[in-house]
Amino acid sequence: MEPIFFVMAILGCGDGSVDCTEARIVPVRYETMAQCRADLTERLAANTDVPYPVIGADCRRSGMLVAKAGHKSPRG
């Protein structure tokens, strides 16, 4: 079974940090949420090319268990 890890999503938002949309996923895997959060400032600074007036970031769980939990069968 694949272990759980964390990834960082770079978000593009409208003025006032509303209507945020995932712009990209940073291609780094973190072992803990704390490691991901510690890297937020550096990764935001490296992703200023996102074409939105405001950018943000969000650390998220990823991995096989999360993928299975979110998977819905096409049969219903």
N, C-alpha and C. Protein backbone atom coordinates (compact mmCIF):
# COMPACT_ATOMS: atom_id res chain seq x y z
N MET A 1 0.85 -1.18 0.00
CA MET A 1 0.00 0.00 0.00
C MET A 1 0.89 1.24 0.00
N GLU A 2 0.55 2.20 -0.81
CA GLU A 2 1.31 3.45 -0.89
C GLU A 2 1.07 4.29 0.36
N PRO A 3 2.13 4.89 0.92
CA PRO A 3 1.95 5.71 2.12
C PRO A 3 1.27 7.04 1.80
N ILE A 4 0.75 7.65 2.84
CA ILE A 4 0.17 8.99 2.71
C ILE A 4 1.30 10.00 2.72
N PHE A 5 1.19 11.02 1.91
CA PHE A 5 2.14 12.12 1.91
C PHE A 5 1.36 13.40 1.68
N PHE A 6 2.04 14.51 1.69
CA PHE A 6 1.39 15.80 1.55
C PHE A 6 1.95 16.54 0.35
N VAL A 7 1.10 17.29 -0.34
CA VAL A 7 1.51 18.11 -1.47
C VAL A 7 0.98 19.53 -1.25
N MET A 8 1.56 20.46 -1.97
CA MET A 8 1.12 21.84 -1.85
C MET A 8 0.46 22.28 -3.16
N ALA A 9 -0.74 22.80 -3.03
CA ALA A 9 -1.45 23.35 -4.18
C ALA A 9 -1.26 24.86 -4.16
N ILE A 10 -0.90 25.41 -5.32
CA ILE A 10 -0.83 26.86 -5.47
C ILE A 10 -2.19 27.31 -5.99
N LEU A 11 -2.78 28.28 -5.31
CA LEU A 11 -4.13 28.75 -5.61
C LEU A 11 -4.09 30.14 -6.21
N GLY A 12 -4.90 30.35 -7.21
CA GLY A 12 -5.10 31.68 -7.78
C GLY A 12 -6.46 32.19 -7.33
N CYS A 13 -6.48 33.43 -6.82
CA CYS A 13 -7.73 33.98 -6.27
C CYS A 13 -8.03 35.34 -6.88
N GLY A 14 -9.31 35.70 -6.84
CA GLY A 14 -9.72 37.04 -7.25
C GLY A 14 -9.36 38.05 -6.17
N ASP A 15 -9.63 39.30 -6.44
CA ASP A 15 -9.38 40.35 -5.45
C ASP A 15 -10.08 40.01 -4.15
N GLY A 16 -9.44 40.29 -3.05
CA GLY A 16 -10.01 39.99 -1.75
C GLY A 16 -9.90 38.52 -1.38
N SER A 17 -9.08 37.77 -2.09
CA SER A 17 -8.85 36.34 -1.83
C SER A 17 -10.14 35.52 -1.90
N VAL A 18 -11.00 35.85 -2.88
CA VAL A 18 -12.24 35.11 -3.07
C VAL A 18 -12.16 34.33 -4.39
N ASP A 19 -13.03 33.36 -4.52
CA ASP A 19 -13.11 32.54 -5.72
C ASP A 19 -11.76 31.94 -6.10
N CYS A 20 -11.12 31.26 -5.14
CA CYS A 20 -9.81 30.65 -5.38
C CYS A 20 -9.94 29.38 -6.21
N THR A 21 -8.98 29.18 -7.10
CA THR A 21 -8.93 28.03 -7.99
C THR A 21 -7.53 27.42 -7.91
N GLU A 22 -7.47 26.10 -7.93
CA GLU A 22 -6.17 25.45 -7.94
C GLU A 22 -5.47 25.75 -9.27
N ALA A 23 -4.31 26.38 -9.20
CA ALA A 23 -3.56 26.73 -10.40
C ALA A 23 -2.54 25.64 -10.75
N ARG A 24 -1.94 25.05 -9.74
CA ARG A 24 -0.97 23.97 -9.96
C ARG A 24 -0.65 23.28 -8.65
N ILE A 25 -0.04 22.11 -8.77
CA ILE A 25 0.47 21.37 -7.62
C ILE A 25 1.99 21.47 -7.67
N VAL A 26 2.60 21.86 -6.57
CA VAL A 26 4.06 21.93 -6.48
C VAL A 26 4.60 20.50 -6.56
N PRO A 27 5.61 20.24 -7.40
CA PRO A 27 6.10 18.87 -7.59
C PRO A 27 7.04 18.39 -6.48
N VAL A 28 6.64 18.58 -5.24
CA VAL A 28 7.40 18.14 -4.07
C VAL A 28 6.45 17.38 -3.16
N ARG A 29 6.92 16.26 -2.63
CA ARG A 29 6.12 15.51 -1.64
C ARG A 29 6.72 15.75 -0.27
N TYR A 30 5.86 15.96 0.70
CA TYR A 30 6.26 16.18 2.09
C TYR A 30 5.79 15.00 2.93
N GLU A 31 6.60 14.60 3.89
CA GLU A 31 6.23 13.48 4.76
C GLU A 31 5.20 13.89 5.81
N THR A 32 5.22 15.16 6.20
CA THR A 32 4.28 15.64 7.22
C THR A 32 3.64 16.96 6.79
N MET A 33 2.51 17.25 7.39
CA MET A 33 1.84 18.52 7.15
C MET A 33 2.73 19.67 7.62
N ALA A 34 3.43 19.48 8.73
CA ALA A 34 4.31 20.52 9.27
C ALA A 34 5.42 20.87 8.27
N GLN A 35 6.00 19.88 7.61
CA GLN A 35 7.03 20.14 6.61
C GLN A 35 6.47 20.95 5.45
N CYS A 36 5.27 20.60 5.02
CA CYS A 36 4.63 21.34 3.93
C CYS A 36 4.39 22.78 4.33
N ARG A 37 3.83 22.99 5.50
CA ARG A 37 3.54 24.35 5.96
C ARG A 37 4.80 25.18 6.14
N ALA A 38 5.89 24.53 6.56
CA ALA A 38 7.15 25.25 6.74
C ALA A 38 7.71 25.76 5.41
N ASP A 39 7.31 25.14 4.31
CA ASP A 39 7.81 25.50 2.98
C ASP A 39 6.88 26.47 2.24
N LEU A 40 5.76 26.86 2.84
CA LEU A 40 4.76 27.69 2.17
C LEU A 40 5.33 29.00 1.64
N THR A 41 6.04 29.74 2.45
CA THR A 41 6.55 31.06 2.04
C THR A 41 7.48 30.94 0.85
N GLU A 42 8.41 29.99 0.91
CA GLU A 42 9.36 29.81 -0.18
C GLU A 42 8.67 29.40 -1.47
N ARG A 43 7.72 28.48 -1.40
CA ARG A 43 7.02 28.02 -2.61
C ARG A 43 6.12 29.10 -3.18
N LEU A 44 5.48 29.89 -2.34
CA LEU A 44 4.67 31.00 -2.85
C LEU A 44 5.55 31.98 -3.62
N ALA A 45 6.72 32.28 -3.07
CA ALA A 45 7.64 33.21 -3.74
C ALA A 45 8.11 32.66 -5.08
N ALA A 46 8.19 31.35 -5.21
CA ALA A 46 8.65 30.73 -6.46
C ALA A 46 7.53 30.55 -7.48
N ASN A 47 6.30 30.86 -7.12
CA ASN A 47 5.15 30.65 -8.01
C ASN A 47 4.36 31.93 -8.26
N THR A 48 5.05 33.04 -8.37
CA THR A 48 4.37 34.32 -8.57
C THR A 48 3.90 34.53 -10.00
N ASP A 49 4.18 33.58 -10.88
CA ASP A 49 3.77 33.71 -12.28
C ASP A 49 2.31 33.29 -12.51
N VAL A 50 1.61 32.86 -11.48
CA VAL A 50 0.21 32.46 -11.61
C VAL A 50 -0.60 33.71 -11.98
N PRO A 51 -1.40 33.63 -13.07
CA PRO A 51 -2.08 34.83 -13.58
C PRO A 51 -3.36 35.21 -12.82
N TYR A 52 -3.22 35.50 -11.55
CA TYR A 52 -4.34 35.92 -10.71
C TYR A 52 -3.88 37.12 -9.89
N PRO A 53 -4.80 37.97 -9.46
CA PRO A 53 -4.40 39.12 -8.65
C PRO A 53 -3.86 38.73 -7.27
N VAL A 54 -4.31 37.60 -6.75
CA VAL A 54 -3.87 37.14 -5.43
C VAL A 54 -3.53 35.66 -5.56
N ILE A 55 -2.41 35.24 -4.95
CA ILE A 55 -2.09 33.82 -4.93
C ILE A 55 -2.01 33.35 -3.49
N GLY A 56 -2.25 32.07 -3.30
CA GLY A 56 -2.18 31.45 -1.99
C GLY A 56 -1.69 30.03 -2.16
N ALA A 57 -1.64 29.30 -1.06
CA ALA A 57 -1.22 27.91 -1.11
C ALA A 57 -1.97 27.13 -0.05
N ASP A 58 -2.09 25.84 -0.29
CA ASP A 58 -2.80 24.95 0.62
C ASP A 58 -2.08 23.62 0.65
N CYS A 59 -1.75 23.12 1.83
CA CYS A 59 -1.15 21.79 1.98
C CYS A 59 -2.29 20.77 2.04
N ARG A 60 -2.11 19.69 1.27
CA ARG A 60 -3.17 18.67 1.18
C ARG A 60 -2.58 17.29 1.30
N ARG A 61 -3.37 16.39 1.85
CA ARG A 61 -3.00 14.99 1.89
C ARG A 61 -3.08 14.40 0.50
N SER A 62 -2.19 13.46 0.22
CA SER A 62 -2.23 12.77 -1.05
C SER A 62 -1.80 11.34 -0.82
N GLY A 63 -1.90 10.52 -1.85
CA GLY A 63 -1.49 9.13 -1.74
C GLY A 63 -2.62 8.19 -2.06
N MET A 64 -2.32 6.92 -2.04
CA MET A 64 -3.26 5.88 -2.45
C MET A 64 -4.53 5.88 -1.60
N LEU A 65 -4.41 5.99 -0.28
CA LEU A 65 -5.61 5.92 0.57
C LEU A 65 -6.56 7.09 0.29
N VAL A 66 -6.02 8.27 0.09
CA VAL A 66 -6.85 9.43 -0.20
C VAL A 66 -7.50 9.28 -1.57
N ALA A 67 -6.74 8.80 -2.54
CA ALA A 67 -7.28 8.60 -3.89
C ALA A 67 -8.44 7.61 -3.87
N LYS A 68 -8.29 6.52 -3.12
CA LYS A 68 -9.36 5.53 -3.04
C LYS A 68 -10.60 6.09 -2.34
N ALA A 69 -10.39 6.87 -1.30
CA ALA A 69 -11.51 7.43 -0.56
C ALA A 69 -12.31 8.39 -1.41
N GLY A 70 -11.64 9.11 -2.32
CA GLY A 70 -12.33 10.09 -3.15
C GLY A 70 -12.84 9.52 -4.46
N HIS A 71 -12.55 8.25 -4.75
CA HIS A 71 -12.93 7.64 -6.03
C HIS A 71 -14.39 7.22 -6.01
N LYS A 72 -15.10 7.56 -7.06
CA LYS A 72 -16.49 7.13 -7.20
C LYS A 72 -16.59 6.23 -8.43
N SER A 73 -17.26 5.15 -8.27
CA SER A 73 -17.44 4.22 -9.36
C SER A 73 -18.34 4.81 -10.43
N PRO A 74 -18.04 4.59 -11.73
CA PRO A 74 -18.90 5.10 -12.78
C PRO A 74 -20.28 4.45 -12.76
N ARG A 75 -20.42 3.36 -12.05
CA ARG A 75 -21.72 2.68 -11.96
C ARG A 75 -22.62 3.23 -10.87
N GLY A 76 -22.10 4.18 -10.12
CA GLY A 76 -23.02 4.78 -9.20
C GLY A 76 -22.62 4.89 -7.83
